[in-house]
Amino acid sequence: MACPNSALLPMIQTFVRDTQDDWNYITPTAFYEDYLKKGRSYYLLDVREPKAFAQGHIKGAKNIFWLDLFDEKNLRKLPKNKKIFVICYVGHTASQVMSLLKLLGYDVTAIKFGYGISPVQGVPVAGWTDYNYPVVKS
C-alpha cells in the first residue's frame, strides 16, 4: 500500500536528513548571547496570541498568531533571505511551526522552551519527571 500523501514524503525525508545535532532548536540563553547581544541579523516570529504578545515580548519580535500564519498574506511577510527564529509560550507550538516553515523552504530555528509561560491559566510549565512520575531504564 502506498504511503498517504506520498508527494510530501521526499520533502519530509530531506527535512529529517538535513536536521543537525541541534534538532533545529536554540536555547533562550544561546539566542540572547549569540544574536541579541551581538546584534546579528535575524527575524523573530512570535506565534502567541496577540493579547499575550501585547503583555510582553522580545524587542523587535513580529507577532503572527500560529493559527493565522499559513494564510498566504502572512507567509509573504516572512523573509526568505534571513534566519527566522520562532518563539511561543513553552516551545511546543514554535517547534511545529518551525517544521512546517522549513518544509516550505524557510531557514527557521525554534527557541526551545519559549517564554516559559504556560498558555493555560494555572497550569505550570513542567514535564513528566517534574511531577516525579515513574520512568524505567532500558
N, C-alpha and C. Protein backbone atom coordinates (compact mmCIF):
# COMPACT_ATOMS: atom_id res chain seq x y z
N MET A 1 0.84 -1.17 0.00
CA MET A 1 0.00 0.00 0.00
C MET A 1 0.89 1.25 0.00
N ALA A 2 0.55 2.23 -0.82
CA ALA A 2 1.32 3.46 -0.93
C ALA A 2 1.14 4.31 0.32
N CYS A 3 2.16 5.06 0.64
CA CYS A 3 2.13 5.98 1.77
C CYS A 3 1.12 7.09 1.48
N PRO A 4 0.24 7.41 2.44
CA PRO A 4 -0.67 8.55 2.23
C PRO A 4 0.15 9.83 2.01
N ASN A 5 -0.34 10.69 1.12
CA ASN A 5 0.36 11.94 0.81
C ASN A 5 1.81 11.70 0.42
N SER A 6 2.02 10.69 -0.41
CA SER A 6 3.38 10.32 -0.79
C SER A 6 4.12 11.44 -1.50
N ALA A 7 3.42 12.44 -2.02
CA ALA A 7 4.09 13.58 -2.65
C ALA A 7 4.89 14.38 -1.62
N LEU A 8 4.47 14.37 -0.36
CA LEU A 8 5.17 15.09 0.70
C LEU A 8 6.38 14.31 1.24
N LEU A 9 6.39 13.01 1.03
CA LEU A 9 7.41 12.17 1.64
C LEU A 9 8.84 12.58 1.29
N PRO A 10 9.18 12.87 0.03
CA PRO A 10 10.56 13.31 -0.25
C PRO A 10 10.95 14.58 0.50
N MET A 11 10.03 15.52 0.65
CA MET A 11 10.32 16.74 1.40
C MET A 11 10.56 16.43 2.87
N ILE A 12 9.76 15.54 3.42
CA ILE A 12 9.91 15.15 4.82
C ILE A 12 11.23 14.41 5.02
N GLN A 13 11.57 13.53 4.10
CA GLN A 13 12.84 12.79 4.21
C GLN A 13 14.04 13.74 4.14
N THR A 14 13.96 14.75 3.29
CA THR A 14 15.03 15.75 3.22
C THR A 14 15.12 16.53 4.51
N PHE A 15 13.97 16.94 5.05
CA PHE A 15 13.94 17.67 6.32
C PHE A 15 14.62 16.85 7.42
N VAL A 16 14.26 15.58 7.52
CA VAL A 16 14.83 14.73 8.56
C VAL A 16 16.33 14.51 8.32
N ARG A 17 16.71 14.25 7.09
CA ARG A 17 18.13 14.01 6.76
C ARG A 17 18.98 15.25 7.07
N ASP A 18 18.45 16.44 6.80
CA ASP A 18 19.21 17.68 6.99
C ASP A 18 19.18 18.23 8.41
N THR A 19 18.45 17.58 9.29
CA THR A 19 18.38 18.04 10.68
C THR A 19 19.73 17.81 11.35
N GLN A 20 20.26 18.87 11.94
CA GLN A 20 21.56 18.83 12.60
C GLN A 20 21.41 18.33 14.04
N ASP A 21 22.54 18.24 14.74
CA ASP A 21 22.54 17.78 16.13
C ASP A 21 21.70 18.67 17.05
N ASP A 22 21.50 19.95 16.66
CA ASP A 22 20.71 20.84 17.50
C ASP A 22 19.20 20.66 17.29
N TRP A 23 18.80 19.80 16.37
CA TRP A 23 17.40 19.48 16.08
C TRP A 23 16.60 20.72 15.70
N ASN A 24 17.28 21.72 15.15
CA ASN A 24 16.65 22.98 14.73
C ASN A 24 16.13 23.81 15.90
N TYR A 25 16.77 23.68 17.06
CA TYR A 25 16.40 24.45 18.24
C TYR A 25 17.58 25.30 18.69
N ILE A 26 17.29 26.37 19.40
CA ILE A 26 18.29 27.16 20.10
C ILE A 26 17.69 27.46 21.47
N THR A 27 18.53 27.46 22.49
CA THR A 27 18.03 27.78 23.83
C THR A 27 17.87 29.29 23.95
N PRO A 28 17.04 29.74 24.88
CA PRO A 28 16.91 31.19 25.10
C PRO A 28 18.26 31.84 25.40
N THR A 29 19.09 31.16 26.19
CA THR A 29 20.40 31.71 26.55
C THR A 29 21.27 31.88 25.31
N ALA A 30 21.33 30.86 24.47
CA ALA A 30 22.15 30.93 23.26
C ALA A 30 21.61 32.00 22.31
N PHE A 31 20.30 32.11 22.17
CA PHE A 31 19.72 33.14 21.31
C PHE A 31 20.09 34.53 21.83
N TYR A 32 19.96 34.73 23.13
CA TYR A 32 20.29 36.02 23.73
C TYR A 32 21.77 36.36 23.51
N GLU A 33 22.65 35.40 23.82
CA GLU A 33 24.09 35.64 23.72
C GLU A 33 24.57 35.75 22.27
N ASP A 34 24.09 34.87 21.40
CA ASP A 34 24.62 34.79 20.03
C ASP A 34 23.94 35.73 19.04
N TYR A 35 22.74 36.19 19.35
CA TYR A 35 22.02 37.05 18.41
C TYR A 35 21.70 38.42 18.98
N LEU A 36 20.99 38.48 20.09
CA LEU A 36 20.60 39.78 20.65
C LEU A 36 21.80 40.62 21.07
N LYS A 37 22.67 40.05 21.89
CA LYS A 37 23.81 40.82 22.40
C LYS A 37 24.81 41.19 21.30
N LYS A 38 24.94 40.33 20.29
CA LYS A 38 25.91 40.59 19.23
C LYS A 38 25.33 41.40 18.09
N GLY A 39 24.02 41.67 18.14
CA GLY A 39 23.39 42.48 17.09
C GLY A 39 23.37 41.79 15.73
N ARG A 40 23.38 40.47 15.73
CA ARG A 40 23.33 39.73 14.46
C ARG A 40 21.95 39.86 13.83
N SER A 41 21.91 39.74 12.54
CA SER A 41 20.66 39.88 11.79
C SER A 41 19.80 38.63 11.94
N TYR A 42 18.53 38.85 12.15
CA TYR A 42 17.56 37.75 12.27
C TYR A 42 16.16 38.34 12.16
N TYR A 43 15.17 37.44 12.05
CA TYR A 43 13.76 37.81 12.09
C TYR A 43 13.15 36.98 13.19
N LEU A 44 12.55 37.61 14.18
CA LEU A 44 11.96 36.89 15.31
C LEU A 44 10.45 36.88 15.16
N LEU A 45 9.90 35.69 15.05
CA LEU A 45 8.47 35.49 14.87
C LEU A 45 7.87 34.95 16.16
N ASP A 46 6.99 35.71 16.77
CA ASP A 46 6.29 35.32 17.99
C ASP A 46 4.91 34.84 17.57
N VAL A 47 4.62 33.56 17.80
CA VAL A 47 3.37 32.96 17.31
C VAL A 47 2.30 32.83 18.39
N ARG A 48 2.48 33.56 19.49
CA ARG A 48 1.46 33.54 20.54
C ARG A 48 0.27 34.40 20.14
N GLU A 49 -0.77 34.31 20.93
CA GLU A 49 -1.95 35.14 20.71
C GLU A 49 -1.56 36.61 20.86
N PRO A 50 -2.20 37.50 20.09
CA PRO A 50 -1.87 38.93 20.18
C PRO A 50 -1.97 39.50 21.60
N LYS A 51 -2.92 39.02 22.38
CA LYS A 51 -3.08 39.50 23.76
C LYS A 51 -1.83 39.18 24.59
N ALA A 52 -1.30 37.98 24.45
CA ALA A 52 -0.09 37.58 25.18
C ALA A 52 1.11 38.38 24.68
N PHE A 53 1.18 38.59 23.38
CA PHE A 53 2.26 39.38 22.78
C PHE A 53 2.26 40.80 23.35
N ALA A 54 1.08 41.40 23.44
CA ALA A 54 0.95 42.77 23.95
C ALA A 54 1.38 42.88 25.41
N GLN A 55 1.26 41.79 26.17
CA GLN A 55 1.64 41.80 27.58
C GLN A 55 3.15 41.70 27.79
N GLY A 56 3.88 41.39 26.74
CA GLY A 56 5.33 41.33 26.85
C GLY A 56 5.93 40.44 25.77
N HIS A 57 6.96 40.96 25.12
CA HIS A 57 7.64 40.20 24.07
C HIS A 57 9.06 40.72 23.90
N ILE A 58 9.87 39.99 23.19
CA ILE A 58 11.24 40.39 22.91
C ILE A 58 11.22 41.55 21.93
N LYS A 59 12.02 42.57 22.22
CA LYS A 59 12.08 43.75 21.37
C LYS A 59 12.40 43.34 19.92
N GLY A 60 11.60 43.87 19.00
CA GLY A 60 11.80 43.60 17.58
C GLY A 60 11.02 42.40 17.05
N ALA A 61 10.40 41.64 17.94
CA ALA A 61 9.63 40.47 17.51
C ALA A 61 8.41 40.90 16.70
N LYS A 62 8.04 40.09 15.73
CA LYS A 62 6.82 40.29 14.95
C LYS A 62 5.83 39.23 15.40
N ASN A 63 4.58 39.64 15.57
CA ASN A 63 3.56 38.72 16.06
C ASN A 63 2.61 38.32 14.94
N ILE A 64 2.59 37.02 14.67
CA ILE A 64 1.56 36.43 13.82
C ILE A 64 1.11 35.16 14.55
N PHE A 65 -0.11 35.17 15.01
CA PHE A 65 -0.65 34.01 15.74
C PHE A 65 -0.54 32.77 14.86
N TRP A 66 -0.13 31.67 15.46
CA TRP A 66 0.18 30.48 14.68
C TRP A 66 -1.00 29.98 13.85
N LEU A 67 -2.22 30.18 14.32
CA LEU A 67 -3.38 29.72 13.54
C LEU A 67 -3.61 30.58 12.29
N ASP A 68 -3.02 31.77 12.27
CA ASP A 68 -3.16 32.67 11.13
C ASP A 68 -1.93 32.66 10.22
N LEU A 69 -0.86 32.06 10.66
CA LEU A 69 0.42 32.16 9.97
C LEU A 69 0.39 31.63 8.55
N PHE A 70 -0.33 30.57 8.30
CA PHE A 70 -0.25 29.93 6.99
C PHE A 70 -1.25 30.48 5.98
N ASP A 71 -1.86 31.62 6.28
CA ASP A 71 -2.57 32.38 5.26
C ASP A 71 -1.48 32.99 4.36
N GLU A 72 -1.71 32.98 3.07
CA GLU A 72 -0.67 33.46 2.14
C GLU A 72 -0.22 34.89 2.44
N LYS A 73 -1.15 35.75 2.84
CA LYS A 73 -0.77 37.14 3.13
C LYS A 73 0.22 37.22 4.29
N ASN A 74 0.10 36.32 5.25
CA ASN A 74 1.02 36.31 6.38
C ASN A 74 2.35 35.65 6.02
N LEU A 75 2.31 34.61 5.22
CA LEU A 75 3.56 33.99 4.79
C LEU A 75 4.41 34.96 3.98
N ARG A 76 3.77 35.83 3.23
CA ARG A 76 4.51 36.82 2.43
C ARG A 76 5.26 37.82 3.31
N LYS A 77 4.89 37.93 4.58
CA LYS A 77 5.58 38.83 5.50
C LYS A 77 6.92 38.27 5.96
N LEU A 78 7.11 36.97 5.81
CA LEU A 78 8.33 36.33 6.30
C LEU A 78 9.45 36.44 5.28
N PRO A 79 10.66 36.73 5.75
CA PRO A 79 11.79 36.85 4.83
C PRO A 79 12.29 35.48 4.36
N LYS A 80 12.60 35.38 3.09
CA LYS A 80 13.19 34.16 2.54
C LYS A 80 14.71 34.21 2.62
N ASN A 81 15.27 35.40 2.87
CA ASN A 81 16.71 35.58 2.83
C ASN A 81 17.31 35.89 4.21
N LYS A 82 16.59 35.58 5.26
CA LYS A 82 17.06 35.89 6.61
C LYS A 82 16.71 34.74 7.53
N LYS A 83 17.55 34.50 8.51
CA LYS A 83 17.30 33.49 9.53
C LYS A 83 16.08 33.89 10.35
N ILE A 84 15.13 32.95 10.49
CA ILE A 84 13.91 33.18 11.27
C ILE A 84 13.99 32.36 12.55
N PHE A 85 13.71 32.99 13.67
CA PHE A 85 13.57 32.29 14.94
C PHE A 85 12.11 32.37 15.33
N VAL A 86 11.57 31.26 15.82
CA VAL A 86 10.16 31.21 16.22
C VAL A 86 10.11 30.99 17.72
N ILE A 87 9.26 31.79 18.38
CA ILE A 87 9.08 31.65 19.82
C ILE A 87 7.59 31.61 20.15
N CYS A 88 7.25 30.85 21.18
CA CYS A 88 5.86 30.76 21.64
C CYS A 88 5.87 30.71 23.17
N TYR A 89 4.85 30.14 23.74
CA TYR A 89 4.72 30.08 25.19
C TYR A 89 5.80 29.19 25.83
N VAL A 90 5.86 27.92 25.42
CA VAL A 90 6.79 26.96 26.03
C VAL A 90 7.64 26.21 25.00
N GLY A 91 7.49 26.49 23.73
CA GLY A 91 8.31 25.87 22.70
C GLY A 91 7.61 24.84 21.83
N HIS A 92 6.49 24.33 22.30
CA HIS A 92 5.80 23.27 21.56
C HIS A 92 5.26 23.78 20.22
N THR A 93 4.51 24.84 20.26
CA THR A 93 3.93 25.39 19.03
C THR A 93 5.03 25.90 18.10
N ALA A 94 6.05 26.52 18.67
CA ALA A 94 7.16 27.01 17.85
C ALA A 94 7.83 25.86 17.09
N SER A 95 7.96 24.70 17.72
CA SER A 95 8.59 23.57 17.04
C SER A 95 7.73 23.06 15.89
N GLN A 96 6.42 23.08 16.06
CA GLN A 96 5.55 22.66 14.96
C GLN A 96 5.59 23.66 13.82
N VAL A 97 5.54 24.95 14.16
CA VAL A 97 5.61 26.00 13.14
C VAL A 97 6.95 25.92 12.41
N MET A 98 8.04 25.72 13.16
CA MET A 98 9.36 25.61 12.57
C MET A 98 9.39 24.49 11.54
N SER A 99 8.86 23.33 11.88
CA SER A 99 8.86 22.19 10.96
C SER A 99 8.11 22.51 9.67
N LEU A 100 6.95 23.10 9.81
CA LEU A 100 6.15 23.42 8.63
C LEU A 100 6.82 24.49 7.77
N LEU A 101 7.38 25.51 8.39
CA LEU A 101 8.06 26.56 7.63
C LEU A 101 9.30 26.02 6.93
N LYS A 102 10.03 25.12 7.59
CA LYS A 102 11.20 24.51 6.94
C LYS A 102 10.77 23.72 5.71
N LEU A 103 9.66 23.02 5.79
CA LEU A 103 9.16 22.27 4.63
C LEU A 103 8.79 23.22 3.48
N LEU A 104 8.45 24.46 3.82
CA LEU A 104 8.13 25.46 2.80
C LEU A 104 9.38 26.19 2.29
N GLY A 105 10.55 25.86 2.86
CA GLY A 105 11.79 26.41 2.36
C GLY A 105 12.39 27.55 3.16
N TYR A 106 11.83 27.88 4.30
CA TYR A 106 12.37 28.95 5.14
C TYR A 106 13.52 28.42 6.00
N ASP A 107 14.45 29.30 6.35
CA ASP A 107 15.56 28.99 7.25
C ASP A 107 15.08 29.32 8.67
N VAL A 108 14.65 28.30 9.40
CA VAL A 108 13.95 28.51 10.68
C VAL A 108 14.57 27.69 11.80
N THR A 109 14.62 28.31 12.97
CA THR A 109 15.03 27.63 14.20
C THR A 109 14.01 28.01 15.27
N ALA A 110 13.64 27.03 16.08
CA ALA A 110 12.70 27.28 17.18
C ALA A 110 13.49 27.60 18.45
N ILE A 111 12.97 28.54 19.23
CA ILE A 111 13.57 28.84 20.53
C ILE A 111 12.97 27.89 21.55
N LYS A 112 13.81 26.97 21.99
CA LYS A 112 13.39 25.92 22.91
C LYS A 112 12.90 26.53 24.22
N PHE A 113 11.83 26.01 24.74
CA PHE A 113 11.20 26.42 26.00
C PHE A 113 10.45 27.75 25.90
N GLY A 114 10.52 28.41 24.74
CA GLY A 114 9.78 29.65 24.53
C GLY A 114 9.99 30.66 25.64
N TYR A 115 8.91 31.34 26.00
CA TYR A 115 8.96 32.30 27.10
C TYR A 115 8.87 31.61 28.47
N GLY A 116 8.61 30.31 28.47
CA GLY A 116 8.49 29.58 29.73
C GLY A 116 7.22 29.94 30.49
N ILE A 117 6.19 30.31 29.73
CA ILE A 117 4.92 30.71 30.33
C ILE A 117 3.81 29.83 29.76
N SER A 118 3.14 29.10 30.62
CA SER A 118 2.05 28.25 30.14
C SER A 118 0.92 29.10 29.58
N PRO A 119 0.37 28.71 28.42
CA PRO A 119 -0.76 29.45 27.87
C PRO A 119 -2.07 29.15 28.61
N VAL A 120 -2.05 28.16 29.47
CA VAL A 120 -3.26 27.77 30.21
C VAL A 120 -3.14 28.29 31.64
N GLN A 121 -4.06 29.16 32.02
CA GLN A 121 -4.07 29.77 33.35
C GLN A 121 -4.02 28.70 34.43
N GLY A 122 -3.07 28.84 35.36
CA GLY A 122 -2.98 27.93 36.49
C GLY A 122 -2.27 26.62 36.21
N VAL A 123 -1.81 26.40 34.99
CA VAL A 123 -1.09 25.17 34.66
C VAL A 123 0.39 25.50 34.55
N PRO A 124 1.20 24.98 35.47
CA PRO A 124 2.63 25.29 35.43
C PRO A 124 3.31 24.60 34.24
N VAL A 125 4.44 25.15 33.84
CA VAL A 125 5.25 24.53 32.80
C VAL A 125 6.13 23.50 33.49
N ALA A 126 5.79 22.25 33.30
CA ALA A 126 6.54 21.17 33.93
C ALA A 126 6.34 19.91 33.12
N GLY A 127 7.33 19.06 33.13
CA GLY A 127 7.26 17.81 32.38
C GLY A 127 7.05 16.60 33.27
N TRP A 128 7.02 15.47 32.68
CA TRP A 128 6.75 14.18 33.33
C TRP A 128 7.58 14.01 34.59
N THR A 129 8.88 14.19 34.46
CA THR A 129 9.74 13.95 35.62
C THR A 129 9.61 15.03 36.69
N ASP A 130 9.16 16.23 36.31
CA ASP A 130 8.94 17.28 37.31
C ASP A 130 7.84 16.89 38.29
N TYR A 131 6.94 16.01 37.84
CA TYR A 131 5.86 15.53 38.69
C TYR A 131 6.25 14.25 39.43
N ASN A 132 7.50 13.84 39.23
CA ASN A 132 8.01 12.60 39.83
C ASN A 132 7.21 11.38 39.39
N TYR A 133 6.71 11.39 38.18
CA TYR A 133 6.04 10.22 37.63
C TYR A 133 7.10 9.17 37.29
N PRO A 134 6.71 7.90 37.28
CA PRO A 134 7.71 6.86 37.11
C PRO A 134 8.30 6.81 35.70
N VAL A 135 9.58 6.46 35.64
CA VAL A 135 10.27 6.18 34.40
C VAL A 135 11.04 4.88 34.58
N VAL A 136 11.32 4.20 33.50
CA VAL A 136 12.10 2.96 33.55
C VAL A 136 13.34 3.15 32.69
N LYS A 137 14.36 2.40 32.98
CA LYS A 137 15.60 2.44 32.21
C LYS A 137 15.71 1.17 31.40
N SER A 138 16.16 1.32 30.18
CA SER A 138 16.31 0.15 29.28
C SER A 138 17.61 -0.57 29.56
